[in-house]
């Protein structure tokens, strides 16, 4: 079940950068709508099947897990506010690959939490990030706009690591649907405030843009982010972050075929290094021993809805 969920998530999130680049709407508006519409889909299931769990998060020890959900939503809002604009400022391949620095930040967070990662895992992370740098390093010479997009993409990777770390803590005792409903709801609320304060247009888009937003909700959000959140109860945040790197080749391929963004000559060996790094982390991490058995959470009949 977990392997299938991760595979589906990788395929789904690969469409994110191309859809953001295609949509004729401000990046923050796209981020707001993809989270709000996701809550609209998840809300009815959460309200009918997880009411007791929601109440438990407001009293006693449950408040700590509730705060993990809220903080995860704050970090997710920061991720979208930095990474999604990067997909419109730089190329799809660059935005995706530089956002793939997430495992480095994830490893540092794990270290700060007192968890020692095997040397082979760090080696795999290094190989993967080197691949991202090789694939996208030429952007600095292209334009100041592209370079700004690159910096935003790196910041997006950092906030994604924080989001995943809080998600790992929350998913230790909270079901997928409850966690994602709270997280996406908080994210949507923050993005709404940012858009209103910043004067970002939220309506009046053409039909193709709305179709792209709906596709982001169904694919990258519900089948991508939510499936990765489902997997967080069974595999570590660091491993999830490295697996997300598999998004880079898929997004580059879609950007090439659909948007005509031909990858640079160095992109192909760079993406190959990404795949090699992912393999090293997964295989090396398995040999070094996985994390301890997680605490049981409310049974998930299926990843979404549960």
Protein backbone atom coordinates (compact mmCIF):
# COMPACT_ATOMS: atom_id res chain seq x y z
CA UNK A 1 0.00 0.00 0.00
CA UNK A 2 2.74 2.49 0.96
CA UNK A 3 4.82 1.75 -2.15
CA UNK A 4 1.80 2.27 -4.39
CA UNK A 5 0.87 5.50 -2.59
CA UNK A 6 4.39 6.90 -3.02
CA UNK A 7 4.54 5.92 -6.69
CA UNK A 8 1.18 7.58 -7.34
CA UNK A 9 2.30 10.67 -5.42
CA UNK A 10 5.48 11.04 -7.49
CA UNK A 11 3.53 10.84 -10.75
CA UNK A 12 0.93 13.31 -9.47
CA UNK A 13 3.35 15.97 -8.19
CA UNK A 14 5.34 15.81 -11.44
CA UNK A 15 2.49 17.73 -13.06
CA UNK A 16 2.64 20.59 -10.54
CA UNK A 17 5.33 22.86 -12.03
CA UNK A 18 4.10 22.51 -15.64
CA UNK A 19 0.52 23.30 -14.60
CA UNK A 20 1.64 26.33 -12.56
CA UNK A 21 3.71 27.58 -15.50
CA UNK A 22 0.77 27.05 -17.87
CA UNK A 23 -1.92 28.72 -15.75
CA UNK A 24 -2.57 32.40 -16.56
CA UNK A 25 -2.99 33.43 -12.93
CA UNK A 26 -0.80 34.75 -10.10
CA UNK A 27 1.09 31.94 -8.40
CA UNK A 28 -0.25 32.86 -4.95
CA UNK A 29 -3.82 32.76 -6.26
CA UNK A 30 -3.21 29.29 -7.69
CA UNK A 31 -1.77 28.15 -4.37
CA UNK A 32 -4.78 29.53 -2.49
CA UNK A 33 -7.36 27.86 -4.72
CA UNK A 34 -5.61 24.47 -4.79
CA UNK A 35 -5.64 24.35 -0.98
CA UNK A 36 -9.15 25.76 -0.50
CA UNK A 37 -10.66 23.38 -3.05
CA UNK A 38 -8.81 20.47 -1.46
CA UNK A 39 -10.38 21.34 1.90
CA UNK A 40 -13.77 21.51 0.17
CA UNK A 41 -13.23 17.93 -1.01
CA UNK A 42 -11.85 16.60 2.28
CA UNK A 43 -14.08 18.58 4.63
CA UNK A 44 -17.29 16.52 4.33
CA UNK A 45 -15.42 13.27 5.03
CA UNK A 46 -13.57 14.79 7.96
CA UNK A 47 -16.73 16.30 9.44
CA UNK A 48 -18.63 13.03 9.33
CA UNK A 49 -15.94 10.47 10.10
CA UNK A 50 -13.33 12.25 12.23
CA UNK A 51 -15.31 14.51 14.54
CA UNK A 52 -14.08 12.76 17.68
CA UNK A 53 -10.49 13.07 16.50
CA UNK A 54 -10.92 16.79 15.84
CA UNK A 55 -12.31 17.29 19.35
CA UNK A 56 -9.41 15.34 20.85
CA UNK A 57 -6.96 17.78 19.25
CA UNK A 58 -8.40 20.70 21.24
CA UNK A 59 -7.99 19.28 24.76
CA UNK A 60 -5.20 17.88 26.95
CA UNK A 61 -2.23 16.24 25.31
CA UNK A 62 -3.99 16.28 21.96
CA UNK A 63 -3.33 19.99 21.65
CA UNK A 64 0.32 19.32 20.87
CA UNK A 65 -0.60 17.20 17.85
CA UNK A 66 -3.10 19.86 16.86
CA UNK A 67 -0.35 22.46 16.86
CA UNK A 68 1.82 20.22 14.70
CA UNK A 69 -0.98 20.27 12.11
CA UNK A 70 -1.28 24.06 12.33
CA UNK A 71 2.47 24.65 12.09
CA UNK A 72 2.65 22.28 9.16
CA UNK A 73 0.00 24.38 7.41
CA UNK A 74 2.02 27.55 8.07
CA UNK A 75 5.14 25.94 6.58
CA UNK A 76 3.14 24.67 3.59
CA UNK A 77 1.88 28.22 2.94
CA UNK A 78 5.48 29.49 3.01
CA UNK A 79 6.49 26.67 0.63
CA UNK A 80 3.78 27.57 -1.88
CA UNK A 81 4.46 31.30 -1.53
CA UNK A 82 8.09 30.76 -2.55
CA UNK A 83 8.14 27.70 -4.81
CA UNK A 84 5.07 28.37 -6.97
CA UNK A 85 6.25 31.84 -8.08
CA UNK A 86 9.61 30.26 -8.90
CA UNK A 87 7.92 28.02 -11.50
CA UNK A 88 6.77 31.18 -13.32
CA UNK A 89 10.10 33.03 -13.03
CA UNK A 90 12.47 30.25 -14.05
CA UNK A 91 12.09 27.05 -16.06
CA UNK A 92 9.98 24.12 -14.91
CA UNK A 93 13.07 21.90 -14.72
CA UNK A 94 14.99 24.46 -12.64
CA UNK A 95 12.15 25.17 -10.22
CA UNK A 96 11.56 21.46 -9.66
CA UNK A 97 15.20 20.45 -9.31
CA UNK A 98 16.22 23.33 -7.02
CA UNK A 99 13.20 22.68 -4.86
CA UNK A 100 14.72 19.22 -4.58
CA UNK A 101 17.26 20.57 -2.10
CA UNK A 102 14.55 19.64 0.42
CA UNK A 103 16.37 16.45 1.57
CA UNK A 104 19.38 18.48 2.72
CA UNK A 105 17.19 20.63 4.97
CA UNK A 106 15.30 17.50 6.03
CA UNK A 107 18.52 15.80 7.06
CA UNK A 108 19.59 18.84 9.08
CA UNK A 109 16.21 18.94 10.80
CA UNK A 110 16.50 15.25 11.65
CA UNK A 111 19.98 15.89 13.03
CA UNK A 112 18.61 18.75 15.15
CA UNK A 113 15.98 16.34 16.49
CA UNK A 114 18.75 14.04 17.69
CA UNK A 115 18.45 11.46 14.91
CA UNK A 116 21.70 10.34 13.31
CA UNK A 117 21.39 9.54 9.62
CA UNK A 118 23.64 6.79 8.22
CA UNK A 119 26.64 8.07 6.26
CA UNK A 120 25.30 6.35 3.14
CA UNK A 121 22.09 8.38 3.38
CA UNK A 122 24.04 11.65 3.53
CA UNK A 123 26.08 10.46 0.56
CA UNK A 124 22.91 9.78 -1.41
CA UNK A 125 21.51 13.19 -0.52
CA UNK A 126 24.75 14.80 -1.66
CA UNK A 127 24.68 12.98 -5.00
CA UNK A 128 21.04 13.95 -5.57
CA UNK A 129 21.59 17.62 -4.76
CA UNK A 130 24.71 17.68 -6.95
CA UNK A 131 22.52 16.41 -9.76
CA UNK A 132 20.05 19.24 -9.15
CA UNK A 133 22.86 21.80 -9.24
CA UNK A 134 24.26 20.33 -12.47
CA UNK A 135 20.85 20.35 -14.12
CA UNK A 136 20.01 23.97 -13.25
CA UNK A 137 23.24 25.87 -12.57
CA UNK A 138 23.16 27.70 -15.91
CA UNK A 139 20.13 29.75 -14.84
CA UNK A 140 22.34 32.35 -13.12
CA UNK A 141 23.73 33.35 -16.52
CA UNK A 142 20.34 33.43 -18.24
CA UNK A 143 18.70 36.40 -16.51
CA UNK A 144 18.16 38.09 -13.17
CA UNK A 145 14.53 36.95 -13.32
CA UNK A 146 15.57 33.30 -13.66
CA UNK A 147 18.11 33.67 -10.85
CA UNK A 148 15.40 35.12 -8.56
CA UNK A 149 13.25 32.12 -9.47
CA UNK A 150 16.12 29.80 -8.54
CA UNK A 151 16.49 31.43 -5.10
CA UNK A 152 12.75 31.16 -4.48
CA UNK A 153 12.87 27.48 -5.47
CA UNK A 154 15.63 26.79 -2.92
CA UNK A 155 13.61 28.61 -0.23
CA UNK A 156 10.62 26.53 -1.25
CA UNK A 157 12.63 23.37 -0.68
CA UNK A 158 13.57 24.54 2.81
CA UNK A 159 9.97 25.28 3.78
CA UNK A 160 8.88 21.96 2.28
CA UNK A 161 11.29 20.21 4.65
CA UNK A 162 9.79 22.04 7.63
CA UNK A 163 6.29 21.14 6.43
CA UNK A 164 7.25 17.47 6.09
CA UNK A 165 8.96 17.41 9.51
CA UNK A 166 5.85 18.74 11.26
CA UNK A 167 3.75 16.36 9.21
CA UNK A 168 5.82 13.41 10.37
CA UNK A 169 5.22 14.39 14.00
CA UNK A 170 1.49 14.88 13.45
CA UNK A 171 1.03 11.64 11.51
CA UNK A 172 2.49 9.65 14.42
CA UNK A 173 -0.96 9.81 16.06
CA UNK A 174 -3.36 11.51 13.65
CA UNK A 175 -5.14 10.03 10.64
CA UNK A 176 -4.33 11.23 7.13
CA UNK A 177 -7.64 12.95 6.47
CA UNK A 178 -7.71 14.87 9.75
CA UNK A 179 -4.14 16.03 9.34
CA UNK A 180 -4.50 17.11 5.71
CA UNK A 181 -7.81 18.89 6.33
CA UNK A 182 -6.29 21.02 9.10
CA UNK A 183 -3.00 21.58 7.29
CA UNK A 184 -4.55 22.59 3.96
CA UNK A 185 -7.15 24.72 5.74
CA UNK A 186 -4.53 26.70 7.66
CA UNK A 187 -2.47 27.05 4.48
CA UNK A 188 -5.47 28.35 2.50
CA UNK A 189 -6.35 30.88 5.22
CA UNK A 190 -2.80 32.28 5.35
CA UNK A 191 -2.58 32.51 1.57
CA UNK A 192 -5.96 34.26 1.44
CA UNK A 193 -4.71 36.93 3.86
CA UNK A 194 -1.48 37.35 1.88
CA UNK A 195 -3.40 37.68 -1.39
CA UNK A 196 -5.85 40.23 0.04
CA UNK A 197 -3.11 42.32 1.64
CA UNK A 198 -0.95 42.15 -1.46
CA UNK A 199 -3.80 42.90 -3.85
CA UNK A 200 -3.40 39.58 -5.68
CA UNK A 201 -6.28 38.87 -8.07
CA UNK A 202 -8.21 35.75 -7.06
CA UNK A 203 -10.95 35.60 -9.72
CA UNK A 204 -11.60 36.47 -13.35
CA UNK A 205 -9.36 33.79 -14.88
CA UNK A 206 -10.06 32.07 -18.19
CA UNK A 207 -11.40 28.55 -18.49
CA UNK A 208 -8.03 26.98 -19.23
CA UNK A 209 -6.59 28.43 -16.04
CA UNK A 210 -9.46 27.10 -13.92
CA UNK A 211 -8.98 23.68 -15.51
CA UNK A 212 -5.29 23.82 -14.60
CA UNK A 213 -6.19 24.71 -10.99
CA UNK A 214 -8.67 21.83 -10.79
CA UNK A 215 -6.01 19.51 -12.21
CA UNK A 216 -3.59 20.71 -9.51
CA UNK A 217 -6.18 19.96 -6.82
CA UNK A 218 -6.94 16.47 -8.11
CA UNK A 219 -3.35 15.58 -8.97
CA UNK A 220 -0.54 17.39 -7.17
CA UNK A 221 -2.56 18.14 -4.02
CA UNK A 222 -4.89 15.22 -3.29
CA UNK A 223 -2.96 12.47 -5.06
CA UNK A 224 0.46 14.02 -4.47
CA UNK A 225 0.84 15.83 -1.15
CA UNK A 226 -1.84 13.76 0.56
CA UNK A 227 -0.32 10.44 -0.49
CA UNK A 228 3.10 11.56 0.75
CA UNK A 229 1.43 12.55 4.03
CA UNK A 230 -0.14 9.10 4.17
CA UNK A 231 3.32 7.54 3.73
CA UNK A 232 4.82 9.65 6.55
CA UNK A 233 3.42 7.26 9.14
CA UNK A 234 5.37 4.39 7.61
CA UNK A 235 8.61 5.90 6.30
CA UNK A 236 10.75 8.74 7.61
CA UNK A 237 10.44 12.37 6.54
CA UNK A 238 14.00 12.24 5.16
CA UNK A 239 13.20 9.26 2.93
CA UNK A 240 9.97 10.91 1.74
CA UNK A 241 11.91 14.06 0.88
CA UNK A 242 14.40 12.09 -1.17
CA UNK A 243 11.63 10.19 -2.96
CA UNK A 244 10.07 13.53 -3.92
CA UNK A 245 13.21 14.14 -6.00
CA UNK A 246 11.77 11.68 -8.51
CA UNK A 247 9.37 14.49 -9.40
CA UNK A 248 12.19 16.31 -11.21
CA UNK A 249 12.55 14.01 -14.26
CA UNK A 250 8.78 13.77 -14.65
CA UNK A 251 8.27 17.53 -14.47
CA UNK A 252 11.14 18.16 -16.91
CA UNK A 253 9.63 15.67 -19.36
CA UNK A 254 6.17 17.24 -19.13
CA UNK A 255 7.66 20.73 -19.47
CA UNK A 256 9.50 19.62 -22.62
CA UNK A 257 6.59 17.81 -24.30
CA UNK A 258 3.78 20.18 -23.26
CA UNK A 259 5.42 23.61 -22.87
CA UNK A 260 8.32 23.21 -25.28
CA UNK A 261 10.92 23.86 -22.55
CA UNK A 262 13.81 21.85 -23.94
CA UNK A 263 16.14 20.68 -21.13
CA UNK A 264 19.72 22.00 -21.26
CA UNK A 265 22.49 19.57 -22.24
CA UNK A 266 23.60 19.28 -18.60
CA UNK A 267 20.05 18.57 -17.42
CA UNK A 268 20.09 14.93 -18.46
CA UNK A 269 23.24 13.87 -16.55
CA UNK A 270 22.04 16.03 -13.64
CA UNK A 271 18.70 14.26 -13.50
CA UNK A 272 20.52 10.93 -13.77
CA UNK A 273 22.49 11.87 -10.65
CA UNK A 274 19.20 12.68 -8.91
CA UNK A 275 17.95 9.17 -9.62
CA UNK A 276 21.25 7.66 -8.48
CA UNK A 277 21.08 9.60 -5.22
CA UNK A 278 17.53 8.44 -4.58
CA UNK A 279 18.62 4.83 -5.12
CA UNK A 280 21.55 5.19 -2.72
CA UNK A 281 19.33 6.65 0.01
CA UNK A 282 16.64 3.99 -0.32
CA UNK A 283 18.95 0.98 -0.60
CA UNK A 284 21.53 2.26 1.87
CA UNK A 285 18.89 3.33 4.36
CA UNK A 286 17.24 -0.09 4.19
CA UNK A 287 20.51 -1.83 4.94
CA UNK A 288 21.28 0.49 7.81
CA UNK A 289 17.94 -0.25 9.41
CA UNK A 290 14.68 1.59 9.35
CA UNK A 291 13.13 3.75 12.03
CA UNK A 292 11.41 2.19 15.04
CA UNK A 293 7.85 0.89 14.80
CA UNK A 294 5.41 3.84 14.77
CA UNK A 295 2.64 4.35 17.30
CA UNK A 296 -0.73 3.09 15.96
CA UNK A 297 -3.10 5.72 14.62
CA UNK A 298 -6.79 5.55 13.71
CA UNK A 299 -7.12 2.96 10.94
CA UNK A 300 -7.07 4.30 7.39
CA UNK A 301 -9.32 2.23 5.20
CA UNK A 302 -7.66 3.96 2.22
CA UNK A 303 -5.20 6.80 1.86
CA UNK A 304 -7.93 9.26 0.82
CA UNK A 305 -10.50 9.54 2.16
CA UNK A 306 -9.93 7.57 5.37
